[in-house]
Amino acid sequence: MLLQQPIKPIKDGRIGTTYGVTGPHWSWRRNSEGKWFKGFKDGKGEHTGYDFACIIGTKCYAVVDGMISYQDFNKTIGLFIILAAPDHINITYAHLSRSLVKDGQKVKQGELIGETGKTGNVTGPHLHQSFRDSKTGNWFPVSYLPNPSAITV
């Protein structure tokens, strides 16, 4: 559970795809105990976060205080930033066009950290944001957070 009330990651946009939706675009699954693993079942995986539909270049903000633990580029999630919250939760910002932070940088809630894009495996511009427990490796939905409506648009 996040210790700090999260804010919205972008000022404008709408949620397109939500956590847990199944389909051929995603390759992560949960087993009967709820643990995540990479693999398809019937050609479908589960979406691990929330997609905020928006235009390329939309400003992305830190939803809580934390530290930029890692950023990189890969063919699936494109340019991404991982924000480590002090309570063992990693928040991923994916498909970015631009990062405005450095690894190890401390950021405050509301601080500008990047800009949205359409990098990686996408069908259009958006911000993918997911929440993952760094101890268990499991993703979880916003409903686990103190006030889920705070980060939806």
C-alpha atoms as a PDB file:
ATOM      1  CA  MET A   1       0.000   0.000   0.000  1.00  0.00           C
ATOM      2  CA  LEU A   2       1.353   3.418  -0.921  1.00  0.00           C
ATOM      3  CA  LEU A   3       1.994   5.623   2.100  1.00  0.00           C
ATOM      4  CA  GLN A   4       1.303   8.833   0.159  1.00  0.00           C
ATOM      5  CA  GLN A   5      -1.942   9.691  -1.618  1.00  0.00           C
ATOM      6  CA  PRO A   6      -1.141   9.477  -5.357  1.00  0.00           C
ATOM      7  CA  ILE A   7      -2.017  12.194  -7.846  1.00  0.00           C
ATOM      8  CA  LYS A   8      -2.848  11.877 -11.534  1.00  0.00           C
ATOM      9  CA  PRO A   9       0.139  11.033 -13.784  1.00  0.00           C
ATOM     10  CA  ILE A  10      -1.112  13.365 -16.541  1.00  0.00           C
ATOM     11  CA  LYS A  11      -3.375  16.403 -16.462  1.00  0.00           C
ATOM     12  CA  ASP A  12      -5.580  15.443 -19.429  1.00  0.00           C
ATOM     13  CA  GLY A  13      -6.449  12.107 -20.961  1.00  0.00           C
ATOM     14  CA  ARG A  14      -8.794   9.207 -20.484  1.00  0.00           C
ATOM     15  CA  ILE A  15      -8.214   5.653 -19.401  1.00  0.00           C
ATOM     16  CA  GLY A  16      -8.418   3.401 -22.437  1.00  0.00           C
ATOM     17  CA  THR A  17      -7.347  -0.042 -21.210  1.00  0.00           C
ATOM     18  CA  THR A  18      -7.564  -0.948 -17.547  1.00  0.00           C
ATOM     19  CA  TYR A  19      -5.730  -3.415 -15.332  1.00  0.00           C
ATOM     20  CA  GLY A  20      -6.531  -7.108 -15.823  1.00  0.00           C
ATOM     21  CA  VAL A  21      -8.086  -6.909 -19.295  1.00  0.00           C
ATOM     22  CA  THR A  22      -7.161 -10.030 -21.297  1.00  0.00           C
ATOM     23  CA  GLY A  23      -6.175 -10.138 -24.941  1.00  0.00           C
ATOM     24  CA  PRO A  24      -3.494 -11.075 -27.472  1.00  0.00           C
ATOM     25  CA  HIS A  25      -1.500  -7.849 -26.910  1.00  0.00           C
ATOM     26  CA  TRP A  26      -0.158  -8.841 -23.471  1.00  0.00           C
ATOM     27  CA  SER A  27       1.996 -11.793 -22.405  1.00  0.00           C
ATOM     28  CA  TRP A  28       1.773 -11.785 -18.587  1.00  0.00           C
ATOM     29  CA  ARG A  29      -0.606 -14.139 -16.753  1.00  0.00           C
ATOM     30  CA  ARG A  30      -1.537 -14.954 -13.162  1.00  0.00           C
ATOM     31  CA  ASN A  31      -1.532 -18.494 -11.813  1.00  0.00           C
ATOM     32  CA  SER A  32      -4.161 -19.892  -9.426  1.00  0.00           C
ATOM     33  CA  GLU A  33      -2.302 -18.363  -6.447  1.00  0.00           C
ATOM     34  CA  GLY A  34      -2.295 -14.931  -8.078  1.00  0.00           C
ATOM     35  CA  LYS A  35       1.429 -14.926  -8.888  1.00  0.00           C
ATOM     36  CA  TRP A  36       2.416 -13.366 -12.221  1.00  0.00           C
ATOM     37  CA  PHE A  37       4.399 -15.227 -14.867  1.00  0.00           C
ATOM     38  CA  LYS A  38       5.260 -14.642 -18.513  1.00  0.00           C
ATOM     39  CA  GLY A  39       3.229 -16.845 -20.829  1.00  0.00           C
ATOM     40  CA  PHE A  40       0.085 -17.040 -22.875  1.00  0.00           C
ATOM     41  CA  LYS A  41      -3.053 -19.052 -22.223  1.00  0.00           C
ATOM     42  CA  ASP A  42      -5.286 -19.474 -25.248  1.00  0.00           C
ATOM     43  CA  GLY A  43      -3.254 -16.745 -26.977  1.00  0.00           C
ATOM     44  CA  LYS A  44      -4.138 -14.173 -24.316  1.00  0.00           C
ATOM     45  CA  GLY A  45      -2.318 -12.378 -21.552  1.00  0.00           C
ATOM     46  CA  GLU A  46      -3.394  -9.770 -19.017  1.00  0.00           C
ATOM     47  CA  HIS A  47      -2.842  -6.028 -19.039  1.00  0.00           C
ATOM     48  CA  THR A  48      -0.662  -5.105 -16.042  1.00  0.00           C
ATOM     49  CA  GLY A  49      -1.645  -1.466 -15.638  1.00  0.00           C
ATOM     50  CA  TYR A  50      -3.646   1.427 -17.001  1.00  0.00           C
ATOM     51  CA  ASP A  51      -3.362   3.133 -20.385  1.00  0.00           C
ATOM     52  CA  PHE A  52      -4.079   6.853 -20.466  1.00  0.00           C
ATOM     53  CA  ALA A  53      -4.939   7.905 -24.024  1.00  0.00           C
ATOM     54  CA  CYS A  54      -3.361  11.270 -24.823  1.00  0.00           C
ATOM     55  CA  ILE A  55      -1.378  13.096 -27.472  1.00  0.00           C
ATOM     56  CA  ILE A  56       2.373  12.644 -27.913  1.00  0.00           C
ATOM     57  CA  GLY A  57       4.281  15.047 -25.695  1.00  0.00           C
ATOM     58  CA  THR A  58       1.716  15.174 -22.876  1.00  0.00           C
ATOM     59  CA  LYS A  59       3.578  15.931 -19.644  1.00  0.00           C
ATOM     60  CA  CYS A  60       3.929  13.061 -17.117  1.00  0.00           C
ATOM     61  CA  TYR A  61       4.223  13.737 -13.402  1.00  0.00           C
ATOM     62  CA  ALA A  62       5.476  11.769 -10.411  1.00  0.00           C
ATOM     63  CA  VAL A  63       2.351  10.438  -8.682  1.00  0.00           C
ATOM     64  CA  VAL A  64       4.187  10.161  -5.336  1.00  0.00           C
ATOM     65  CA  ASP A  65       7.551  11.150  -3.839  1.00  0.00           C
ATOM     66  CA  GLY A  66      10.277   8.678  -4.709  1.00  0.00           C
ATOM     67  CA  MET A  67      13.459   7.962  -6.596  1.00  0.00           C
ATOM     68  CA  ILE A  68      13.990   7.158 -10.268  1.00  0.00           C
ATOM     69  CA  SER A  69      15.406   3.656  -9.952  1.00  0.00           C
ATOM     70  CA  TYR A  70      15.762   2.772 -13.615  1.00  0.00           C
ATOM     71  CA  GLN A  71      14.951   3.860 -17.146  1.00  0.00           C
ATOM     72  CA  ASP A  72      15.594   2.197 -20.458  1.00  0.00           C
ATOM     73  CA  PHE A  73      14.079   1.296 -23.812  1.00  0.00           C
ATOM     74  CA  ASN A  74      12.787  -2.077 -24.951  1.00  0.00           C
ATOM     75  CA  LYS A  75      10.705  -3.261 -27.885  1.00  0.00           C
ATOM     76  CA  THR A  76       7.647  -4.021 -25.757  1.00  0.00           C
ATOM     77  CA  ILE A  77       7.166  -0.965 -23.542  1.00  0.00           C
ATOM     78  CA  GLY A  78       9.411   1.439 -25.427  1.00  0.00           C
ATOM     79  CA  LEU A  79      11.046   4.217 -23.432  1.00  0.00           C
ATOM     80  CA  PHE A  80      10.140   3.723 -19.781  1.00  0.00           C
ATOM     81  CA  ILE A  81      10.861   5.122 -16.321  1.00  0.00           C
ATOM     82  CA  ILE A  82      10.522   3.265 -13.028  1.00  0.00           C
ATOM     83  CA  LEU A  83       9.739   5.414 -10.002  1.00  0.00           C
ATOM     84  CA  ALA A  84      10.486   3.643  -6.705  1.00  0.00           C
ATOM     85  CA  ALA A  85       8.164   4.695  -3.895  1.00  0.00           C
ATOM     86  CA  PRO A  86       9.555   4.398  -0.350  1.00  0.00           C
ATOM     87  CA  ASP A  87       7.103   1.604   0.492  1.00  0.00           C
ATOM     88  CA  HIS A  88       8.403  -1.060  -1.939  1.00  0.00           C
ATOM     89  CA  ILE A  89       6.143  -0.124  -4.838  1.00  0.00           C
ATOM     90  CA  ASN A  90       7.605   0.464  -8.288  1.00  0.00           C
ATOM     91  CA  ILE A  91       5.559   2.652 -10.594  1.00  0.00           C
ATOM     92  CA  THR A  92       6.267   2.248 -14.296  1.00  0.00           C
ATOM     93  CA  TYR A  93       5.671   4.963 -16.902  1.00  0.00           C
ATOM     94  CA  ALA A  94       5.920   3.372 -20.370  1.00  0.00           C
ATOM     95  CA  HIS A  95       5.764   4.258 -24.091  1.00  0.00           C
ATOM     96  CA  LEU A  96       7.321   7.666 -23.428  1.00  0.00           C
ATOM     97  CA  SER A  97       8.734   9.964 -26.075  1.00  0.00           C
ATOM     98  CA  ARG A  98      11.080  11.669 -23.639  1.00  0.00           C
ATOM     99  CA  SER A  99      12.529  11.240 -20.154  1.00  0.00           C
ATOM    100  CA  LEU A 100      13.347  14.337 -18.126  1.00  0.00           C
ATOM    101  CA  VAL A 101      15.011  12.559 -15.181  1.00  0.00           C
ATOM    102  CA  LYS A 102      18.158  10.571 -14.386  1.00  0.00           C
ATOM    103  CA  ASP A 103      18.601   7.245 -12.605  1.00  0.00           C
ATOM    104  CA  GLY A 104      19.002   7.829  -8.867  1.00  0.00           C
ATOM    105  CA  GLN A 105      17.269  11.207  -9.001  1.00  0.00           C
ATOM    106  CA  LYS A 106      14.877  11.947  -6.132  1.00  0.00           C
ATOM    107  CA  VAL A 107      11.565  13.400  -7.260  1.00  0.00           C
ATOM    108  CA  LYS A 108       8.668  14.999  -5.457  1.00  0.00           C
ATOM    109  CA  GLN A 109       4.997  14.327  -6.075  1.00  0.00           C
ATOM    110  CA  GLY A 110       3.843  16.481  -9.000  1.00  0.00           C
ATOM    111  CA  GLU A 111       7.334  16.899 -10.462  1.00  0.00           C
ATOM    112  CA  LEU A 112       7.570  16.663 -14.251  1.00  0.00           C
ATOM    113  CA  ILE A 113       9.441  13.459 -15.171  1.00  0.00           C
ATOM    114  CA  GLY A 114       8.711  12.763 -18.836  1.00  0.00           C
ATOM    115  CA  GLU A 115       6.490  13.122 -21.880  1.00  0.00           C
ATOM    116  CA  THR A 116       4.105  10.607 -23.399  1.00  0.00           C
ATOM    117  CA  GLY A 117       4.721   8.946 -26.734  1.00  0.00           C
ATOM    118  CA  LYS A 118       4.037   5.838 -28.765  1.00  0.00           C
ATOM    119  CA  THR A 119       7.279   3.907 -28.391  1.00  0.00           C
ATOM    120  CA  GLY A 120       7.412   0.119 -28.201  1.00  0.00           C
ATOM    121  CA  ASN A 121       4.524  -2.200 -29.045  1.00  0.00           C
ATOM    122  CA  VAL A 122       1.564   0.185 -29.214  1.00  0.00           C
ATOM    123  CA  THR A 123      -1.476   0.932 -31.348  1.00  0.00           C
ATOM    124  CA  GLY A 124      -1.392   4.663 -30.636  1.00  0.00           C
ATOM    125  CA  PRO A 125       0.016   7.325 -28.320  1.00  0.00           C
ATOM    126  CA  HIS A 126      -0.634   6.823 -24.608  1.00  0.00           C
ATOM    127  CA  LEU A 127       0.908   6.529 -21.162  1.00  0.00           C
ATOM    128  CA  HIS A 128       0.998   3.040 -19.689  1.00  0.00           C
ATOM    129  CA  GLN A 129       1.262   3.171 -15.910  1.00  0.00           C
ATOM    130  CA  SER A 130       1.542   0.137 -13.663  1.00  0.00           C
ATOM    131  CA  PHE A 131       2.089  -0.494  -9.976  1.00  0.00           C
ATOM    132  CA  ARG A 132       4.254  -3.424  -8.896  1.00  0.00           C
ATOM    133  CA  ASP A 133       5.268  -4.693  -5.474  1.00  0.00           C
ATOM    134  CA  SER A 134       9.074  -4.813  -5.519  1.00  0.00           C
ATOM    135  CA  LYS A 135       9.146  -7.585  -2.901  1.00  0.00           C
ATOM    136  CA  THR A 136       6.750 -10.045  -4.566  1.00  0.00           C
ATOM    137  CA  GLY A 137       7.050  -8.905  -8.193  1.00  0.00           C
ATOM    138  CA  ASN A 138       3.258  -8.845  -8.487  1.00  0.00           C
ATOM    139  CA  TRP A 139       1.370  -6.077 -10.260  1.00  0.00           C
ATOM    140  CA  PHE A 140      -1.796  -4.811  -8.659  1.00  0.00           C
ATOM    141  CA  PRO A 141      -4.763  -2.673  -9.652  1.00  0.00           C
ATOM    142  CA  VAL A 142      -5.354   0.885  -8.564  1.00  0.00           C
ATOM    143  CA  SER A 143      -8.170  -0.357  -6.312  1.00  0.00           C
ATOM    144  CA  TYR A 144      -5.441  -1.428  -3.876  1.00  0.00           C
ATOM    145  CA  LEU A 145      -4.398   2.193  -3.452  1.00  0.00           C
ATOM    146  CA  PRO A 146      -5.801   4.508  -0.747  1.00  0.00           C
ATOM    147  CA  ASN A 147      -7.916   6.584  -3.172  1.00  0.00           C
ATOM    148  CA  PRO A 148      -8.098   5.035  -6.662  1.00  0.00           C
ATOM    149  CA  SER A 149     -10.085   7.944  -8.069  1.00  0.00           C
ATOM    150  CA  ALA A 150      -7.100  10.224  -7.465  1.00  0.00           C
ATOM    151  CA  ILE A 151      -5.137   8.815 -10.377  1.00  0.00           C
ATOM    152  CA  THR A 152      -7.882   8.215 -12.894  1.00  0.00           C
ATOM    153  CA  VAL A 153      -8.916  10.863 -15.377  1.00  0.00           C
END
